[in-house]
C-alpha atoms as a PDB file:
ATOM      1  CA  UNK A   1       5.014  27.639 -28.924  1.00  0.00           C
ATOM      2  CA  UNK A   2       4.022  25.045 -26.336  1.00  0.00           C
ATOM      3  CA  UNK A   3       6.556  22.256 -25.827  1.00  0.00           C
ATOM      4  CA  UNK A   4       5.795  18.635 -26.615  1.00  0.00           C
ATOM      5  CA  UNK A   5       6.033  17.811 -22.915  1.00  0.00           C
ATOM      6  CA  UNK A   6       3.335  20.351 -22.024  1.00  0.00           C
ATOM      7  CA  UNK A   7       1.105  19.691 -25.027  1.00  0.00           C
ATOM      8  CA  UNK A   8      -2.002  17.513 -25.020  1.00  0.00           C
ATOM      9  CA  UNK A   9      -3.675  15.577 -27.780  1.00  0.00           C
ATOM     10  CA  UNK A  10      -6.867  16.809 -29.415  1.00  0.00           C
ATOM     11  CA  UNK A  11      -8.496  13.821 -31.095  1.00  0.00           C
ATOM     12  CA  UNK A  12     -11.337  13.363 -33.563  1.00  0.00           C
ATOM     13  CA  UNK A  13     -12.407  10.077 -35.108  1.00  0.00           C
ATOM     14  CA  UNK A  14     -14.357  10.558 -38.318  1.00  0.00           C
ATOM     15  CA  UNK A  15     -14.746   8.917 -41.719  1.00  0.00           C
ATOM     16  CA  UNK A  16     -13.016   5.817 -40.394  1.00  0.00           C
ATOM     17  CA  UNK A  17      -9.841   7.677 -39.423  1.00  0.00           C
ATOM     18  CA  UNK A  18      -8.504   8.952 -36.107  1.00  0.00           C
ATOM     19  CA  UNK A  19      -7.056  12.451 -36.479  1.00  0.00           C
ATOM     20  CA  UNK A  20      -4.852  13.999 -33.798  1.00  0.00           C
ATOM     21  CA  UNK A  21      -3.074  17.287 -33.176  1.00  0.00           C
ATOM     22  CA  UNK A  22      -0.727  18.362 -30.371  1.00  0.00           C
ATOM     23  CA  UNK A  23      -1.943  21.563 -28.738  1.00  0.00           C
ATOM     24  CA  UNK A  24      -1.529  23.918 -25.817  1.00  0.00           C
ATOM     25  CA  UNK A  25      -4.367  22.876 -23.474  1.00  0.00           C
ATOM     26  CA  UNK A  26      -5.212  26.416 -22.294  1.00  0.00           C
ATOM     27  CA  UNK A  27      -5.231  27.897 -25.803  1.00  0.00           C
ATOM     28  CA  UNK A  28      -7.225  24.963 -27.170  1.00  0.00           C
ATOM     29  CA  UNK A  29      -9.790  25.298 -24.392  1.00  0.00           C
ATOM     30  CA  UNK A  30     -10.178  29.025 -25.079  1.00  0.00           C
ATOM     31  CA  UNK A  31     -10.806  28.232 -28.741  1.00  0.00           C
ATOM     32  CA  UNK A  32     -13.433  25.628 -27.881  1.00  0.00           C
ATOM     33  CA  UNK A  33     -15.157  28.068 -25.521  1.00  0.00           C
ATOM     34  CA  UNK A  34     -15.244  30.701 -28.276  1.00  0.00           C
ATOM     35  CA  UNK A  35     -17.034  28.168 -30.503  1.00  0.00           C
ATOM     36  CA  UNK A  36     -14.508  28.818 -33.241  1.00  0.00           C
ATOM     37  CA  UNK A  37     -14.698  32.600 -33.207  1.00  0.00           C
ATOM     38  CA  UNK A  38     -11.213  32.997 -31.783  1.00  0.00           C
ATOM     39  CA  UNK A  39      -8.503  33.034 -34.437  1.00  0.00           C
ATOM     40  CA  UNK A  40      -5.987  30.188 -34.437  1.00  0.00           C
ATOM     41  CA  UNK A  41      -2.349  31.211 -34.132  1.00  0.00           C
ATOM     42  CA  UNK A  42      -0.383  28.057 -35.009  1.00  0.00           C
ATOM     43  CA  UNK A  43       2.681  29.297 -33.121  1.00  0.00           C
ATOM     44  CA  UNK A  44       0.568  29.702 -30.002  1.00  0.00           C
ATOM     45  CA  UNK A  45      -1.677  26.679 -30.445  1.00  0.00           C
ATOM     46  CA  UNK A  46       0.422  23.846 -31.847  1.00  0.00           C
ATOM     47  CA  UNK A  47       3.359  21.936 -30.387  1.00  0.00           C
ATOM     48  CA  UNK A  48       3.917  20.233 -33.738  1.00  0.00           C
ATOM     49  CA  UNK A  49       2.700  21.633 -37.022  1.00  0.00           C
ATOM     50  CA  UNK A  50       0.331  19.400 -38.900  1.00  0.00           C
ATOM     51  CA  UNK A  51      -2.555  16.985 -38.521  1.00  0.00           C
ATOM     52  CA  UNK A  52      -1.656  13.396 -37.734  1.00  0.00           C
ATOM     53  CA  UNK A  53      -3.297  10.031 -38.286  1.00  0.00           C
ATOM     54  CA  UNK A  54      -3.318   7.685 -35.322  1.00  0.00           C
ATOM     55  CA  UNK A  55      -0.984   8.640 -32.484  1.00  0.00           C
ATOM     56  CA  UNK A  56       0.229  12.190 -33.107  1.00  0.00           C
ATOM     57  CA  UNK A  57       3.435  11.636 -31.147  1.00  0.00           C
ATOM     58  CA  UNK A  58       4.438   8.931 -33.649  1.00  0.00           C
ATOM     59  CA  UNK A  59       4.588  11.574 -36.354  1.00  0.00           C
ATOM     60  CA  UNK A  60       2.403  10.024 -39.088  1.00  0.00           C
ATOM     61  CA  UNK A  61       0.989  13.014 -40.915  1.00  0.00           C
ATOM     62  CA  UNK A  62      -2.446  12.775 -42.489  1.00  0.00           C
ATOM     63  CA  UNK A  63      -2.506  12.512 -46.273  1.00  0.00           C
ATOM     64  CA  UNK A  64      -4.226  15.248 -48.253  1.00  0.00           C
ATOM     65  CA  UNK A  65      -6.847  12.791 -49.476  1.00  0.00           C
ATOM     66  CA  UNK A  66      -7.730  11.840 -45.885  1.00  0.00           C
ATOM     67  CA  UNK A  67      -8.089  15.496 -44.899  1.00  0.00           C
ATOM     68  CA  UNK A  68     -10.220  16.300 -47.928  1.00  0.00           C
ATOM     69  CA  UNK A  69     -12.462  13.305 -47.269  1.00  0.00           C
ATOM     70  CA  UNK A  70     -12.957  14.169 -43.572  1.00  0.00           C
ATOM     71  CA  UNK A  71     -12.890  17.964 -43.556  1.00  0.00           C
ATOM     72  CA  UNK A  72     -13.472  19.050 -47.142  1.00  0.00           C
ATOM     73  CA  UNK A  73     -10.142  20.873 -47.230  1.00  0.00           C
ATOM     74  CA  UNK A  74      -6.409  20.388 -46.856  1.00  0.00           C
ATOM     75  CA  UNK A  75      -5.946  23.744 -45.121  1.00  0.00           C
ATOM     76  CA  UNK A  76      -4.216  22.880 -41.860  1.00  0.00           C
ATOM     77  CA  UNK A  77      -5.774  25.596 -39.721  1.00  0.00           C
ATOM     78  CA  UNK A  78      -9.273  24.775 -40.954  1.00  0.00           C
ATOM     79  CA  UNK A  79      -8.703  21.118 -40.090  1.00  0.00           C
ATOM     80  CA  UNK A  80      -7.247  22.016 -36.687  1.00  0.00           C
ATOM     81  CA  UNK A  81     -10.302  24.146 -35.924  1.00  0.00           C
ATOM     82  CA  UNK A  82     -12.710  21.326 -36.771  1.00  0.00           C
ATOM     83  CA  UNK A  83     -10.771  18.824 -34.684  1.00  0.00           C
ATOM     84  CA  UNK A  84     -10.831  21.169 -31.702  1.00  0.00           C
ATOM     85  CA  UNK A  85     -14.549  21.945 -31.993  1.00  0.00           C
ATOM     86  CA  UNK A  86     -15.807  18.433 -32.689  1.00  0.00           C
ATOM     87  CA  UNK A  87     -13.134  16.335 -30.988  1.00  0.00           C
ATOM     88  CA  UNK A  88     -11.887  15.717 -27.447  1.00  0.00           C
ATOM     89  CA  UNK A  89      -8.951  17.130 -25.512  1.00  0.00           C
ATOM     90  CA  UNK A  90      -6.978  14.376 -23.801  1.00  0.00           C
ATOM     91  CA  UNK A  91      -6.004  16.114 -20.562  1.00  0.00           C
ATOM     92  CA  UNK A  92      -3.781  14.687 -17.878  1.00  0.00           C
ATOM     93  CA  UNK A  93      -5.157  14.494 -14.341  1.00  0.00           C
ATOM     94  CA  UNK A  94      -3.106  17.514 -13.267  1.00  0.00           C
ATOM     95  CA  UNK A  95      -4.143  19.543 -16.316  1.00  0.00           C
ATOM     96  CA  UNK A  96      -7.809  18.769 -15.752  1.00  0.00           C
ATOM     97  CA  UNK A  97      -7.502  19.699 -12.068  1.00  0.00           C
ATOM     98  CA  UNK A  98      -5.805  22.981 -12.960  1.00  0.00           C
ATOM     99  CA  UNK A  99      -8.438  23.868 -15.562  1.00  0.00           C
ATOM    100  CA  UNK A 100     -11.298  22.986 -13.221  1.00  0.00           C
ATOM    101  CA  UNK A 101      -9.866  25.263 -10.531  1.00  0.00           C
ATOM    102  CA  UNK A 102      -9.392  28.067 -13.040  1.00  0.00           C
ATOM    103  CA  UNK A 103     -12.998  27.676 -14.262  1.00  0.00           C
ATOM    104  CA  UNK A 104     -14.215  27.577 -10.656  1.00  0.00           C
ATOM    105  CA  UNK A 105     -12.482  30.884  -9.869  1.00  0.00           C
ATOM    106  CA  UNK A 106     -13.952  32.489 -12.998  1.00  0.00           C
ATOM    107  CA  UNK A 107     -17.480  31.338 -12.132  1.00  0.00           C
ATOM    108  CA  UNK A 108     -17.175  32.526  -8.519  1.00  0.00           C
ATOM    109  CA  UNK A 109     -15.920  35.919  -9.726  1.00  0.00           C
ATOM    110  CA  UNK A 110     -18.799  36.167 -12.203  1.00  0.00           C
ATOM    111  CA  UNK A 111     -21.405  35.374  -9.553  1.00  0.00           C
ATOM    112  CA  UNK A 112     -19.846  37.710  -6.988  1.00  0.00           C
ATOM    113  CA  UNK A 113     -19.845  40.505  -9.572  1.00  0.00           C
ATOM    114  CA  UNK A 114     -23.412  40.049 -10.806  1.00  0.00           C
ATOM    115  CA  UNK A 115     -25.485  38.390  -8.084  1.00  0.00           C
ATOM    116  CA  UNK A 116     -27.071  39.723  -4.910  1.00  0.00           C
ATOM    117  CA  UNK A 117     -29.023  38.583  -1.889  1.00  0.00           C
ATOM    118  CA  UNK A 118     -32.564  39.517  -3.072  1.00  0.00           C
ATOM    119  CA  UNK A 119     -33.701  39.912   0.539  1.00  0.00           C
ATOM    120  CA  UNK A 120     -31.165  42.621   1.348  1.00  0.00           C
ATOM    121  CA  UNK A 121     -30.221  43.785  -2.183  1.00  0.00           C
ATOM    122  CA  UNK A 122     -26.595  43.389  -1.080  1.00  0.00           C
ATOM    123  CA  UNK A 123     -23.745  41.444  -2.751  1.00  0.00           C
ATOM    124  CA  UNK A 124     -22.596  38.096  -1.409  1.00  0.00           C
ATOM    125  CA  UNK A 125     -18.948  37.923  -0.276  1.00  0.00           C
ATOM    126  CA  UNK A 126     -16.711  35.719  -2.436  1.00  0.00           C
ATOM    127  CA  UNK A 127     -15.949  33.460   0.528  1.00  0.00           C
ATOM    128  CA  UNK A 128     -19.669  32.843   1.104  1.00  0.00           C
ATOM    129  CA  UNK A 129     -20.103  31.770  -2.507  1.00  0.00           C
ATOM    130  CA  UNK A 130     -17.046  29.507  -2.313  1.00  0.00           C
ATOM    131  CA  UNK A 131     -18.306  27.799   0.848  1.00  0.00           C
ATOM    132  CA  UNK A 132     -21.795  27.313  -0.591  1.00  0.00           C
ATOM    133  CA  UNK A 133     -20.370  25.770  -3.777  1.00  0.00           C
ATOM    134  CA  UNK A 134     -18.373  23.319  -1.668  1.00  0.00           C
ATOM    135  CA  UNK A 135     -21.427  22.486   0.443  1.00  0.00           C
ATOM    136  CA  UNK A 136     -23.570  21.980  -2.645  1.00  0.00           C
ATOM    137  CA  UNK A 137     -20.865  19.778  -4.214  1.00  0.00           C
ATOM    138  CA  UNK A 138     -21.158  21.698  -7.483  1.00  0.00           C
ATOM    139  CA  UNK A 139     -19.705  19.858 -10.475  1.00  0.00           C
ATOM    140  CA  UNK A 140     -18.101  21.987 -13.183  1.00  0.00           C
ATOM    141  CA  UNK A 141     -16.990  21.195 -16.715  1.00  0.00           C
ATOM    142  CA  UNK A 142     -13.593  22.636 -17.710  1.00  0.00           C
ATOM    143  CA  UNK A 143     -14.655  22.571 -21.368  1.00  0.00           C
ATOM    144  CA  UNK A 144     -17.852  24.607 -20.992  1.00  0.00           C
ATOM    145  CA  UNK A 145     -17.946  28.385 -20.830  1.00  0.00           C
ATOM    146  CA  UNK A 146     -18.643  30.341 -17.663  1.00  0.00           C
ATOM    147  CA  UNK A 147     -21.949  31.677 -19.028  1.00  0.00           C
ATOM    148  CA  UNK A 148     -23.208  28.192 -19.892  1.00  0.00           C
ATOM    149  CA  UNK A 149     -22.628  26.948 -16.324  1.00  0.00           C
ATOM    150  CA  UNK A 150     -23.636  29.900 -14.150  1.00  0.00           C
ATOM    151  CA  UNK A 151     -27.360  29.114 -14.115  1.00  0.00           C
ATOM    152  CA  UNK A 152     -26.741  25.527 -13.008  1.00  0.00           C
ATOM    153  CA  UNK A 153     -24.429  26.752 -10.240  1.00  0.00           C
ATOM    154  CA  UNK A 154     -27.004  29.281  -9.038  1.00  0.00           C
ATOM    155  CA  UNK A 155     -29.669  26.569  -9.004  1.00  0.00           C
ATOM    156  CA  UNK A 156     -27.428  24.440  -6.795  1.00  0.00           C
ATOM    157  CA  UNK A 157     -26.716  27.376  -4.448  1.00  0.00           C
ATOM    158  CA  UNK A 158     -30.298  28.554  -3.893  1.00  0.00           C
ATOM    159  CA  UNK A 159     -31.225  25.872  -1.313  1.00  0.00           C
ATOM    160  CA  UNK A 160     -28.283  27.147   0.751  1.00  0.00           C
ATOM    161  CA  UNK A 161     -28.485  30.912   0.272  1.00  0.00           C
ATOM    162  CA  UNK A 162     -30.822  33.531  -1.230  1.00  0.00           C
ATOM    163  CA  UNK A 163     -29.157  34.541  -4.469  1.00  0.00           C
ATOM    164  CA  UNK A 164     -30.004  35.750  -7.946  1.00  0.00           C
ATOM    165  CA  UNK A 165     -28.474  37.694 -10.795  1.00  0.00           C
ATOM    166  CA  UNK A 166     -29.889  41.197 -10.715  1.00  0.00           C
ATOM    167  CA  UNK A 167     -29.159  44.715 -11.862  1.00  0.00           C
ATOM    168  CA  UNK A 168     -29.686  47.496  -9.318  1.00  0.00           C
ATOM    169  CA  UNK A 169     -30.204  51.228  -9.702  1.00  0.00           C
ATOM    170  CA  UNK A 170     -28.270  53.499  -7.371  1.00  0.00           C
ATOM    171  CA  UNK A 171     -29.082  57.172  -6.930  1.00  0.00           C
ATOM    172  CA  UNK A 172     -25.993  59.262  -6.207  1.00  0.00           C
ATOM    173  CA  UNK A 173     -25.596  62.823  -4.946  1.00  0.00           C
ATOM    174  CA  UNK A 174     -22.119  64.326  -5.226  1.00  0.00           C
ATOM    175  CA  UNK A 175     -21.496  67.732  -3.618  1.00  0.00           C
ATOM    176  CA  UNK A 176     -20.197  70.615  -5.720  1.00  0.00           C
ATOM    177  CA  UNK A 177     -16.646  70.254  -4.408  1.00  0.00           C
ATOM    178  CA  UNK A 178     -16.364  66.819  -6.041  1.00  0.00           C
ATOM    179  CA  UNK A 179     -19.029  67.012  -8.759  1.00  0.00           C
ATOM    180  CA  UNK A 180     -16.418  67.328 -11.511  1.00  0.00           C
ATOM    181  CA  UNK A 181     -15.393  63.737 -10.766  1.00  0.00           C
ATOM    182  CA  UNK A 182     -18.887  62.333 -11.425  1.00  0.00           C
ATOM    183  CA  UNK A 183     -18.016  60.929 -14.848  1.00  0.00           C
ATOM    184  CA  UNK A 184     -14.802  59.364 -13.555  1.00  0.00           C
ATOM    185  CA  UNK A 185     -16.662  57.716 -10.692  1.00  0.00           C
ATOM    186  CA  UNK A 186     -19.514  56.245 -12.726  1.00  0.00           C
ATOM    187  CA  UNK A 187     -17.540  55.244 -15.825  1.00  0.00           C
ATOM    188  CA  UNK A 188     -17.026  51.491 -16.110  1.00  0.00           C
ATOM    189  CA  UNK A 189     -19.513  50.471 -13.431  1.00  0.00           C
ATOM    190  CA  UNK A 190     -22.749  50.469 -15.406  1.00  0.00           C
ATOM    191  CA  UNK A 191     -25.187  52.569 -17.406  1.00  0.00           C
ATOM    192  CA  UNK A 192     -25.849  56.146 -16.352  1.00  0.00           C
ATOM    193  CA  UNK A 193     -29.650  56.347 -16.653  1.00  0.00           C
ATOM    194  CA  UNK A 194     -29.969  60.029 -15.874  1.00  0.00           C
ATOM    195  CA  UNK A 195     -28.009  62.933 -14.466  1.00  0.00           C
ATOM    196  CA  UNK A 196     -28.802  66.437 -13.337  1.00  0.00           C
ATOM    197  CA  UNK A 197     -26.718  69.414 -12.242  1.00  0.00           C
ATOM    198  CA  UNK A 198     -28.147  71.309  -9.324  1.00  0.00           C
ATOM    199  CA  UNK A 199     -28.196  75.079  -8.783  1.00  0.00           C
ATOM    200  CA  UNK A 200     -25.612  74.744  -6.010  1.00  0.00           C
ATOM    201  CA  UNK A 201     -23.184  72.993  -8.372  1.00  0.00           C
ATOM    202  CA  UNK A 202     -23.783  69.505  -7.000  1.00  0.00           C
ATOM    203  CA  UNK A 203     -24.523  66.516  -9.238  1.00  0.00           C
ATOM    204  CA  UNK A 204     -27.315  63.944  -9.026  1.00  0.00           C
ATOM    205  CA  UNK A 205     -27.367  60.788 -11.112  1.00  0.00           C
ATOM    206  CA  UNK A 206     -28.875  57.324 -11.317  1.00  0.00           C
ATOM    207  CA  UNK A 207     -26.617  54.490 -12.415  1.00  0.00           C
ATOM    208  CA  UNK A 208     -27.674  50.918 -13.168  1.00  0.00           C
ATOM    209  CA  UNK A 209     -25.016  48.326 -12.402  1.00  0.00           C
ATOM    210  CA  UNK A 210     -24.665  44.589 -11.654  1.00  0.00           C
ATOM    211  CA  UNK A 211     -25.817  43.938  -8.076  1.00  0.00           C
ATOM    212  CA  UNK A 212     -22.553  42.341  -7.047  1.00  0.00           C
ATOM    213  CA  UNK A 213     -20.589  45.464  -7.967  1.00  0.00           C
ATOM    214  CA  UNK A 214     -22.228  47.650  -5.350  1.00  0.00           C
ATOM    215  CA  UNK A 215     -19.475  47.342  -2.764  1.00  0.00           C
ATOM    216  CA  UNK A 216     -16.797  48.144  -5.335  1.00  0.00           C
ATOM    217  CA  UNK A 217     -18.835  51.100  -6.577  1.00  0.00           C
ATOM    218  CA  UNK A 218     -19.427  52.519  -3.104  1.00  0.00           C
ATOM    219  CA  UNK A 219     -15.743  52.145  -2.250  1.00  0.00           C
ATOM    220  CA  UNK A 220     -14.753  54.080  -5.378  1.00  0.00           C
ATOM    221  CA  UNK A 221     -17.425  56.696  -4.695  1.00  0.00           C
ATOM    222  CA  UNK A 222     -16.210  57.248  -1.138  1.00  0.00           C
ATOM    223  CA  UNK A 223     -12.576  57.331  -2.183  1.00  0.00           C
ATOM    224  CA  UNK A 224     -13.156  59.928  -4.898  1.00  0.00           C
ATOM    225  CA  UNK A 225     -15.337  62.166  -2.709  1.00  0.00           C
ATOM    226  CA  UNK A 226     -13.656  61.563   0.661  1.00  0.00           C
ATOM    227  CA  UNK A 227     -16.885  60.061   1.945  1.00  0.00           C
ATOM    228  CA  UNK A 228     -18.963  63.151   1.180  1.00  0.00           C
ATOM    229  CA  UNK A 229     -21.208  61.602  -1.493  1.00  0.00           C
ATOM    230  CA  UNK A 230     -24.635  60.179  -0.738  1.00  0.00           C
ATOM    231  CA  UNK A 231     -26.082  57.081  -2.374  1.00  0.00           C
ATOM    232  CA  UNK A 232     -29.039  54.718  -2.096  1.00  0.00           C
ATOM    233  CA  UNK A 233     -30.598  51.875  -4.034  1.00  0.00           C
ATOM    234  CA  UNK A 234     -33.793  52.912  -5.800  1.00  0.00           C
ATOM    235  CA  UNK A 235     -36.564  50.907  -7.460  1.00  0.00           C
END
């Protein structure tokens, strides 16, 4: 359970009443990003059990009639969920800074994993994406999901660098001495579109994967086959 010192207030004003709860900021943010699909664990979420009227730290718990009027129920977890989804998280400056940096790292990782330079069909290095985001003065929202912000970030980056989200198909030839590792190599990187065993025992396959994962894929391919595999991007 988060301590009172580390908790933040989630606040919702509705039906003439201000409702507040004391929550773990990271857990509350994850719940908001899931749009309510993530289950609420009160031991993980709440610093103080209950829904409060006015200032939560003063300890005035909401009456059942107030909860029923505002939320249609007196079930605490149902009320907590509605406050989190419809209300505001009152973050401190340090908490907001920390969450913005965390969201920034997640967005950079997502772009690096999925985007490519369409001119070369090659991934962009993480550092290049970081620098371009700084140059473009990209503004992020700690309360919005990565997926909901990626397109806006890419739009801001395009004047500075050729970039787009794209899947690529890579044809791979693995010699017979390493062909038994084909499944291990391709698993987890993308969709195996086709495969074929050759008369000499070698393996040929075409795998479709996010463009930004090419470097990671080639590194794994070379490691597993001691550099003896052949690969190329195909249309």
